[in-house]
Amino acid sequence: MRKTELLIPAGSLDVLKTAVVYGADAVYIGGEAFGLRAKAHNFSNQEMKEGIEFAHERGVKVYVTANILAHNDDLPGVEQYFEELRDIGPDALIISDPGVFAIAKRILPQMELHISTQANNTNYGTYQFWYGLGARRVVSARELSLKEIREIRDHIPEDMEIESFIHGAMCISYSGRCLLSNYFTGRDANQGACTHPCRWKYAVVEETRPGEYMPVYENERGTFIFNSGDLCMIEHIPEMLEAGIDSFKIEGRMKTALYVATVTRTYRKAIDDCLRDRELYRRNMEWYREEIGKCTFRSYTTGFYFGKPGAESQIYDNSTYIKNYTYLGTVEETDGAGRGRLTQKNKFSVGETIEIMKPDGRNLEAVVREIRSEDGELQESAPHSKQVLWVSFEAEAGVEPYDILRRREEQAGE
């Protein structure tokens, strides 16, 4: 069986480190230009170099996105950017534009090149085309079924790799090439500035009744106009493996460290269990489902993998995000006395019961015993975002660097 890679997104250096520690085989990131997530924090050249060094020390690869659909004015900057990347040393570039691809081949002839899903890769002829030009890997279009991916695998060279999404947001337009954002706001999704109009609320106006707004709303059956669900294939890893996919890709370069840690740890265990013993994978399915539900998500779907979705499969109960846990912070260092230093992300207080999420799969409940500021002053709560704190807990197991603190939120009806 082909070696399977778990590929995780990171929008900042801290999140990259989280992905590496929680089980990624590879991480994909964006620099400060030419990627499709302009609103993500993204990486300066120095941060990129530090992140790649951190990953390589732990045997993890780093890929850099340069997958905009370039205009004339972009090309000189692309050349300069690729010159800078030569010294930074990522493991591969992710590209969609043929002009950008040609520049990469000229400036970075030894660099591994991957073709982004933005290139609409829907058939084995496209894969063969890019392979002939020197691409090592192609990311499949979101609109492909597993049957179609298996057929692609059977028609391409053995050493060519297929990368496919396994979890995350499903853009409404063809393979993510959204036109709505540019049309409505002048912010081009294909230049990294998407405003996510697929998630806005809409009304319909009939042409003979101007000014009469008929809202597009959700009843108990939901609505599927502009309604974007989240892909989740945690229950179908055997089918993904059998399709001949080399890299399982998580979407989400704008997500928090909590989201990245949760999906990385869960899919890492599920993939390893499945490769070790299919029965073990089936026995642990409830744990995977429970854990994957602890990150912020919308209604889950299997997308196009089992055939083109009909109306029924595109009607979701709700298009809003479900938030079961709140991210409180990541432990950055410890003092040997059971205290952990962290940069606070959301408010919490002394006496609260929280959960300590560990990279090895354990989740430990702990009561917050003491909160101190960086100057050593006692605090009853931590209300100020990004405040540096020292926190201790009433728990047997102490905290360690990269442990994540989260709080379960009560849902309606509980």
Protein backbone atom coordinates (compact mmCIF):
# COMPACT_ATOMS: atom_id res chain seq x y z
CA MET A 1 0.00 0.00 0.00
CA ARG A 2 1.17 3.54 -0.78
CA LYS A 3 2.50 5.68 2.07
CA THR A 4 -0.21 8.07 3.25
CA GLU A 5 0.56 11.66 4.25
CA LEU A 6 -1.55 13.76 6.64
CA LEU A 7 -1.27 17.35 5.38
CA ILE A 8 -2.29 20.13 7.79
CA PRO A 9 -2.84 23.89 7.26
CA ALA A 10 -1.15 26.60 9.31
CA GLY A 11 -1.79 30.33 9.15
CA SER A 12 0.87 31.30 11.69
CA LEU A 13 4.10 30.04 13.22
CA ASP A 14 2.39 28.97 16.46
CA VAL A 15 -0.20 26.95 14.55
CA LEU A 16 2.53 25.31 12.44
CA LYS A 17 4.25 24.13 15.60
CA THR A 18 0.93 22.83 16.93
CA ALA A 19 0.31 20.87 13.72
CA VAL A 20 3.77 19.31 13.87
CA VAL A 21 3.50 18.31 17.52
CA TYR A 22 -0.03 16.89 17.15
CA GLY A 23 0.84 14.53 14.31
CA ALA A 24 1.15 16.16 10.88
CA ASP A 25 3.34 14.51 8.25
CA ALA A 26 3.44 17.79 6.34
CA VAL A 27 2.18 21.36 6.81
CA TYR A 28 1.18 23.87 4.15
CA ILE A 29 1.62 27.58 4.77
CA GLY A 30 1.43 30.90 2.93
CA GLY A 31 3.93 33.69 2.74
CA GLU A 32 2.97 37.34 2.84
CA ALA A 33 2.09 37.32 -0.87
CA PHE A 34 0.74 35.13 -3.69
CA GLY A 35 -1.33 32.73 -1.58
CA LEU A 36 -5.13 32.45 -1.44
CA ARG A 37 -5.61 33.34 2.24
CA ALA A 38 -4.69 37.01 2.43
CA LYS A 39 -6.69 37.39 5.67
CA ALA A 40 -4.68 34.69 7.41
CA HIS A 41 -1.76 35.91 9.54
CA ASN A 42 0.65 34.23 7.11
CA PHE A 43 4.42 34.01 7.44
CA SER A 44 7.21 36.52 7.09
CA ASN A 45 10.35 35.09 5.51
CA GLN A 46 11.96 34.83 8.96
CA GLU A 47 8.93 33.03 10.41
CA MET A 48 8.88 30.72 7.41
CA LYS A 49 12.54 29.85 7.94
CA GLU A 50 11.97 29.22 11.66
CA GLY A 51 8.88 27.10 10.98
CA ILE A 52 10.62 24.98 8.35
CA GLU A 53 13.56 24.40 10.69
CA PHE A 54 11.19 23.38 13.52
CA ALA A 55 9.34 20.96 11.22
CA HIS A 56 12.45 19.46 9.63
CA GLU A 57 13.98 18.76 13.04
CA ARG A 58 10.93 16.55 13.68
CA GLY A 59 10.79 14.89 10.26
CA VAL A 60 7.85 16.95 8.96
CA LYS A 61 7.72 18.61 5.53
CA VAL A 62 6.54 22.16 4.78
CA TYR A 63 4.88 23.26 1.53
CA VAL A 64 4.40 26.93 0.58
CA THR A 65 1.34 28.12 -1.35
CA ALA A 66 1.75 30.41 -4.34
CA ASN A 67 -1.59 29.54 -5.90
CA ILE A 68 -3.10 32.86 -6.96
CA LEU A 69 -4.36 33.26 -10.52
CA ALA A 70 -1.72 35.83 -11.44
CA HIS A 71 -2.22 39.05 -13.39
CA ASN A 72 0.55 40.79 -15.35
CA ASP A 73 1.48 43.05 -12.45
CA ASP A 74 2.01 40.02 -10.18
CA LEU A 75 4.72 38.34 -12.24
CA PRO A 76 7.77 40.50 -11.34
CA GLY A 77 6.92 40.07 -7.65
CA VAL A 78 6.55 36.31 -8.10
CA GLU A 79 10.08 36.15 -9.50
CA GLN A 80 11.50 38.06 -6.55
CA TYR A 81 9.52 35.94 -4.08
CA PHE A 82 10.81 32.68 -5.55
CA GLU A 83 14.38 34.03 -5.37
CA GLU A 84 13.83 34.56 -1.64
CA LEU A 85 12.34 31.07 -1.19
CA ARG A 86 15.51 29.52 -2.61
CA ASP A 87 17.32 30.38 0.64
CA ILE A 88 14.37 29.52 2.90
CA GLY A 89 14.12 25.93 1.68
CA PRO A 90 10.51 24.67 1.70
CA ASP A 91 9.92 21.11 0.52
CA ALA A 92 7.49 22.06 -2.25
CA LEU A 93 5.49 24.90 -3.78
CA ILE A 94 1.72 24.70 -4.42
CA ILE A 95 0.89 26.49 -7.70
CA SER A 96 -2.16 26.84 -9.94
CA ASP A 97 -1.16 29.37 -12.61
CA PRO A 98 0.90 28.06 -15.60
CA GLY A 99 2.85 31.33 -15.78
CA VAL A 100 3.79 31.08 -12.11
CA PHE A 101 4.67 27.42 -12.66
CA ALA A 102 7.06 28.37 -15.49
CA ILE A 103 8.75 30.98 -13.28
CA ALA A 104 9.19 28.40 -10.50
CA LYS A 105 10.74 25.90 -12.93
CA ARG A 106 13.23 28.53 -14.10
CA ILE A 107 14.21 30.03 -10.75
CA LEU A 108 13.88 26.90 -8.57
CA PRO A 109 14.66 24.00 -10.93
CA GLN A 110 15.20 21.52 -8.08
CA MET A 111 12.02 22.47 -6.17
CA GLU A 112 9.18 19.95 -5.99
CA LEU A 113 6.03 21.48 -7.51
CA HIS A 114 2.44 20.60 -6.61
CA ILE A 115 -0.59 21.73 -8.64
CA SER A 116 -3.33 23.39 -6.58
CA THR A 117 -7.01 22.41 -6.66
CA GLN A 118 -7.53 25.92 -8.12
CA ALA A 119 -6.30 24.51 -11.45
CA ASN A 120 -9.52 22.42 -11.72
CA ASN A 121 -7.89 19.01 -11.95
CA THR A 122 -10.78 16.75 -12.90
CA ASN A 123 -9.31 14.06 -15.18
CA TYR A 124 -6.24 11.87 -15.69
CA GLY A 125 -5.31 13.78 -18.87
CA THR A 126 -4.75 16.89 -16.75
CA TYR A 127 -2.59 14.90 -14.34
CA GLN A 128 -0.54 13.50 -17.24
CA PHE A 129 -0.16 17.02 -18.66
CA TRP A 130 1.25 18.44 -15.42
CA TYR A 131 3.47 15.40 -14.90
CA GLY A 132 4.94 15.95 -18.34
CA LEU A 133 5.83 19.51 -17.32
CA GLY A 134 7.56 18.32 -14.17
CA ALA A 135 4.89 18.44 -11.44
CA ARG A 136 5.26 15.75 -8.78
CA ARG A 137 1.76 16.04 -7.29
CA VAL A 138 -1.69 17.30 -8.29
CA VAL A 139 -4.50 18.22 -5.87
CA SER A 140 -7.78 16.74 -7.06
CA ALA A 141 -10.80 18.96 -7.70
CA ARG A 142 -13.37 18.85 -4.93
CA GLU A 143 -15.98 17.72 -7.46
CA LEU A 144 -14.39 14.30 -8.07
CA SER A 145 -15.79 11.05 -6.71
CA LEU A 146 -13.55 8.39 -5.17
CA LYS A 147 -14.30 6.23 -8.21
CA GLU A 148 -12.97 8.96 -10.50
CA ILE A 149 -9.86 9.40 -8.33
CA ARG A 150 -9.21 5.65 -8.49
CA GLU A 151 -9.45 5.84 -12.29
CA ILE A 152 -6.96 8.72 -12.31
CA ARG A 153 -4.60 6.64 -10.16
CA ASP A 154 -4.79 3.82 -12.69
CA HIS A 155 -3.84 6.14 -15.59
CA ILE A 156 -0.91 8.11 -14.16
CA PRO A 157 2.72 7.17 -13.42
CA GLU A 158 3.37 5.26 -10.22
CA ASP A 159 5.62 8.00 -8.85
CA MET A 160 3.02 10.75 -9.35
CA GLU A 161 1.07 11.68 -6.23
CA ILE A 162 -2.60 12.49 -5.69
CA GLU A 163 -3.60 14.91 -2.93
CA SER A 164 -7.26 15.17 -1.91
CA PHE A 165 -9.23 17.01 0.76
CA ILE A 166 -10.40 14.90 3.68
CA HIS A 167 -11.81 17.57 6.02
CA GLY A 168 -12.86 21.21 6.05
CA ALA A 169 -14.88 23.88 4.27
CA MET A 170 -16.33 23.10 0.84
CA CYS A 171 -16.34 26.18 -1.38
CA ILE A 172 -19.51 26.53 -3.45
CA SER A 173 -17.87 27.51 -6.73
CA TYR A 174 -15.97 25.10 -8.92
CA SER A 175 -13.00 23.82 -6.89
CA GLY A 176 -12.91 27.01 -4.88
CA ARG A 177 -12.65 29.48 -7.78
CA CYS A 178 -15.25 31.79 -6.28
CA LEU A 179 -16.63 34.64 -8.40
CA LEU A 180 -19.13 36.04 -5.87
CA SER A 181 -16.60 37.82 -3.65
CA ASN A 182 -15.14 39.87 -6.51
CA TYR A 183 -18.59 40.64 -7.90
CA PHE A 184 -20.10 41.83 -4.61
CA THR A 185 -17.17 43.51 -2.88
CA GLY A 186 -14.34 43.92 -5.37
CA ARG A 187 -12.22 41.55 -3.27
CA ASP A 188 -10.91 38.77 -5.49
CA ALA A 189 -11.08 35.28 -3.99
CA ASN A 190 -8.58 34.12 -6.60
CA GLN A 191 -6.13 36.73 -5.33
CA GLY A 192 -6.47 35.65 -1.70
CA ALA A 193 -9.04 38.19 -0.48
CA CYS A 194 -12.27 36.14 -0.31
CA THR A 195 -15.02 37.64 1.86
CA HIS A 196 -16.92 34.29 2.01
CA PRO A 197 -20.20 35.54 0.48
CA CYS A 198 -21.40 31.92 0.32
CA ARG A 199 -22.02 32.24 4.07
CA TRP A 200 -24.00 35.51 4.03
CA LYS A 201 -27.76 35.76 4.39
CA TYR A 202 -29.71 36.52 1.19
CA ALA A 203 -33.11 37.70 -0.04
CA VAL A 204 -34.63 37.21 -3.49
CA VAL A 205 -36.31 39.98 -5.53
CA GLU A 206 -38.65 39.05 -8.40
CA GLU A 207 -38.13 41.41 -11.37
CA THR A 208 -41.76 42.57 -11.62
CA ARG A 209 -41.94 43.41 -7.91
CA PRO A 210 -38.94 45.69 -7.20
CA GLY A 211 -38.41 46.52 -3.56
CA GLU A 212 -40.32 43.45 -2.37
CA TYR A 213 -37.73 41.30 -0.66
CA MET A 214 -38.42 37.61 -0.20
CA PRO A 215 -35.92 36.28 2.33
CA VAL A 216 -34.03 33.07 1.71
CA TYR A 217 -34.42 31.41 5.07
CA GLU A 218 -34.09 28.04 6.72
CA ASN A 219 -37.07 26.07 7.96
CA GLU A 220 -36.91 22.73 9.69
CA ARG A 221 -35.61 21.24 6.43
CA GLY A 222 -32.95 23.89 5.97
CA THR A 223 -31.91 25.57 2.72
CA PHE A 224 -29.19 24.82 0.24
CA ILE A 225 -28.90 28.17 -1.55
CA PHE A 226 -25.35 29.41 -0.95
CA ASN A 227 -25.17 26.95 1.92
CA SER A 228 -21.67 25.61 2.40
CA GLY A 229 -21.23 22.55 4.59
CA ASP A 230 -17.97 21.11 5.92
CA LEU A 231 -16.38 17.99 4.47
CA CYS A 232 -15.70 15.20 6.99
CA MET A 233 -14.34 11.82 5.89
CA ILE A 234 -13.33 10.46 9.29
CA GLU A 235 -15.70 7.50 8.80
CA HIS A 236 -14.41 6.71 5.30
CA ILE A 237 -10.63 6.47 5.58
CA PRO A 238 -10.54 2.91 4.13
CA GLU A 239 -12.28 4.15 0.97
CA MET A 240 -9.83 7.09 0.71
CA LEU A 241 -6.89 4.69 0.98
CA GLU A 242 -8.36 2.32 -1.60
CA ALA A 243 -8.79 5.19 -4.07
CA GLY A 244 -4.99 5.52 -4.21
CA ILE A 245 -4.75 8.95 -2.57
CA ASP A 246 -1.26 9.79 -1.32
CA SER A 247 -1.96 12.90 0.76
CA PHE A 248 -5.01 13.55 2.95
CA LYS A 249 -5.46 17.31 3.11
CA ILE A 250 -7.19 19.29 5.85
CA GLU A 251 -8.61 22.68 4.81
CA GLY A 252 -8.26 25.70 7.10
CA ARG A 253 -5.27 28.07 7.00
CA MET A 254 -7.33 30.64 8.93
CA LYS A 255 -8.22 28.27 11.79
CA THR A 256 -7.08 28.41 15.42
CA ALA A 257 -4.49 26.21 17.09
CA LEU A 258 -7.36 24.39 18.87
CA TYR A 259 -9.01 23.50 15.56
CA VAL A 260 -5.73 22.38 14.02
CA ALA A 261 -4.74 20.32 17.07
CA THR A 262 -8.16 18.65 17.24
CA VAL A 263 -8.39 17.61 13.58
CA THR A 264 -4.71 16.66 13.36
CA ARG A 265 -4.74 14.46 16.44
CA THR A 266 -8.03 12.79 15.47
CA TYR A 267 -7.11 12.03 11.86
CA ARG A 268 -3.60 10.96 12.88
CA LYS A 269 -5.02 8.30 15.18
CA ALA A 270 -7.74 7.25 12.72
CA ILE A 271 -5.27 6.83 9.83
CA ASP A 272 -2.75 4.95 11.98
CA ASP A 273 -5.47 2.68 13.41
CA CYS A 274 -6.85 1.97 9.94
CA LEU A 275 -3.43 1.11 8.53
CA ARG A 276 -2.68 -1.12 11.51
CA ASP A 277 -6.01 -2.96 11.77
CA ARG A 278 -9.36 -2.18 10.13
CA GLU A 279 -11.22 -3.72 13.06
CA LEU A 280 -9.35 -1.44 15.50
CA TYR A 281 -10.37 1.53 13.33
CA ARG A 282 -14.02 0.48 13.48
CA ARG A 283 -13.89 -0.05 17.26
CA ASN A 284 -12.49 3.44 17.82
CA MET A 285 -14.99 5.17 15.54
CA GLU A 286 -17.01 6.67 18.40
CA TRP A 287 -13.85 8.32 19.79
CA TYR A 288 -13.04 9.84 16.39
CA ARG A 289 -16.59 11.18 16.02
CA GLU A 290 -16.60 12.62 19.52
CA GLU A 291 -13.21 14.29 19.11
CA ILE A 292 -13.85 15.76 15.67
CA GLY A 293 -17.04 17.29 17.07
CA LYS A 294 -14.99 19.29 19.57
CA CYS A 295 -13.75 21.75 16.95
CA THR A 296 -15.88 24.51 15.45
CA PHE A 297 -17.75 23.21 12.41
CA ARG A 298 -20.90 23.41 10.32
CA SER A 299 -23.04 20.52 9.12
CA TYR A 300 -20.82 17.70 7.89
CA THR A 301 -20.97 16.20 4.42
CA THR A 302 -19.02 13.70 2.31
CA GLY A 303 -19.08 16.13 -0.61
CA PHE A 304 -18.79 14.54 -4.06
CA TYR A 305 -16.82 11.47 -2.97
CA PHE A 306 -19.73 9.04 -3.31
CA GLY A 307 -21.29 10.65 -6.38
CA LYS A 308 -22.75 14.02 -7.28
CA PRO A 309 -24.84 15.31 -4.37
CA GLY A 310 -28.55 15.66 -5.04
CA ALA A 311 -30.86 18.19 -3.47
CA GLU A 312 -31.43 16.05 -0.38
CA SER A 313 -27.73 15.73 0.42
CA GLN A 314 -27.21 19.48 0.04
CA ILE A 315 -29.96 20.46 2.49
CA TYR A 316 -28.32 21.11 5.83
CA ASP A 317 -30.09 21.54 9.14
CA ASN A 318 -28.18 24.76 9.74
CA SER A 319 -25.44 26.78 8.03
CA THR A 320 -24.16 28.40 11.22
CA TYR A 321 -21.03 27.22 12.98
CA ILE A 322 -21.35 24.79 15.89
CA LYS A 323 -18.96 25.60 18.72
CA ASN A 324 -18.68 22.96 21.42
CA TYR A 325 -15.36 24.05 22.92
CA THR A 326 -13.65 27.39 23.49
CA TYR A 327 -9.90 27.80 22.98
CA LEU A 328 -8.22 29.24 26.09
CA GLY A 329 -4.56 29.01 25.14
CA THR A 330 -1.57 26.79 24.43
CA VAL A 331 1.06 26.06 27.09
CA GLU A 332 4.31 27.67 25.95
CA GLU A 333 6.58 26.66 28.85
CA THR A 334 6.44 25.24 32.38
CA ASP A 335 8.31 26.11 35.56
CA GLY A 336 8.78 22.64 37.07
CA ALA A 337 6.22 23.37 39.79
CA GLY A 338 3.14 22.42 37.78
CA ARG A 339 2.51 25.88 36.38
CA GLY A 340 2.15 26.61 32.70
CA ARG A 341 2.82 29.85 30.86
CA LEU A 342 0.39 30.76 28.08
CA THR A 343 -0.95 33.66 26.05
CA GLN A 344 -4.66 33.83 26.88
CA LYS A 345 -7.12 33.56 23.97
CA ASN A 346 -10.49 33.69 25.77
CA LYS A 347 -11.65 34.51 29.29
CA PHE A 348 -11.48 31.90 32.06
CA SER A 349 -11.47 32.09 35.86
CA VAL A 350 -10.10 30.49 39.01
CA GLY A 351 -12.31 27.55 40.04
CA GLU A 352 -13.43 26.73 36.50
CA THR A 353 -13.17 23.16 35.23
CA ILE A 354 -11.36 23.04 31.91
CA GLU A 355 -9.86 20.33 29.73
CA ILE A 356 -6.16 19.85 29.06
CA MET A 357 -5.74 18.41 25.56
CA LYS A 358 -2.48 16.50 25.10
CA PRO A 359 -0.74 15.50 21.84
CA ASP A 360 -0.73 11.81 22.86
CA GLY A 361 -4.55 11.61 22.74
CA ARG A 362 -5.39 12.15 26.42
CA ASN A 363 -7.93 14.73 27.57
CA LEU A 364 -7.57 15.59 31.27
CA GLU A 365 -10.15 17.54 33.25
CA ALA A 366 -8.59 20.04 35.62
CA VAL A 367 -9.76 22.83 37.91
CA VAL A 368 -7.96 26.16 37.58
CA ARG A 369 -6.31 26.69 40.97
CA GLU A 370 -4.38 29.91 40.42
CA ILE A 371 -3.84 32.58 37.77
CA ARG A 372 -0.92 35.00 37.94
CA SER A 373 0.08 37.77 35.57
CA GLU A 374 3.54 37.81 34.00
CA ASP A 375 4.57 40.12 36.87
CA GLY A 376 3.41 37.59 39.47
CA GLU A 377 0.19 39.33 40.53
CA LEU A 378 -2.73 37.06 41.48
CA GLN A 379 -5.87 37.30 39.32
CA GLU A 380 -9.33 35.84 39.86
CA SER A 381 -9.93 35.69 36.11
CA ALA A 382 -8.24 36.30 32.77
CA PRO A 383 -10.49 38.75 30.91
CA HIS A 384 -7.89 40.41 28.66
CA SER A 385 -7.14 38.74 25.34
CA LYS A 386 -3.47 38.00 24.63
CA GLN A 387 -2.41 38.54 28.25
CA VAL A 388 0.58 36.39 29.22
CA LEU A 389 -0.31 34.30 32.29
CA TRP A 390 1.05 31.62 34.60
CA VAL A 391 -1.66 29.10 35.48
CA SER A 392 -1.70 26.17 37.91
CA PHE A 393 -4.28 23.40 38.24
CA GLU A 394 -5.76 21.03 40.79
CA ALA A 395 -4.83 17.95 38.79
CA GLU A 396 -2.54 14.97 39.17
CA ALA A 397 -0.96 15.31 35.74
CA GLY A 398 0.99 18.49 35.17
CA VAL A 399 0.91 20.57 32.02
CA GLU A 400 3.61 20.39 29.36
CA PRO A 401 4.56 22.59 26.41
CA TYR A 402 2.05 22.37 23.54
CA ASP A 403 -0.77 21.16 25.79
CA ILE A 404 -3.93 23.01 24.76
CA LEU A 405 -6.43 24.36 27.28
CA ARG A 406 -10.07 24.34 26.22
CA ARG A 407 -13.46 24.72 27.91
CA ARG A 408 -16.57 22.77 27.03
CA GLU A 409 -19.56 25.00 26.29
CA GLU A 410 -23.06 23.98 27.25
CA GLN A 411 -25.37 23.63 24.25
CA ALA A 412 -29.06 24.44 24.19
CA GLY A 413 -31.08 21.59 25.65
CA GLU A 414 -28.26 20.24 27.80
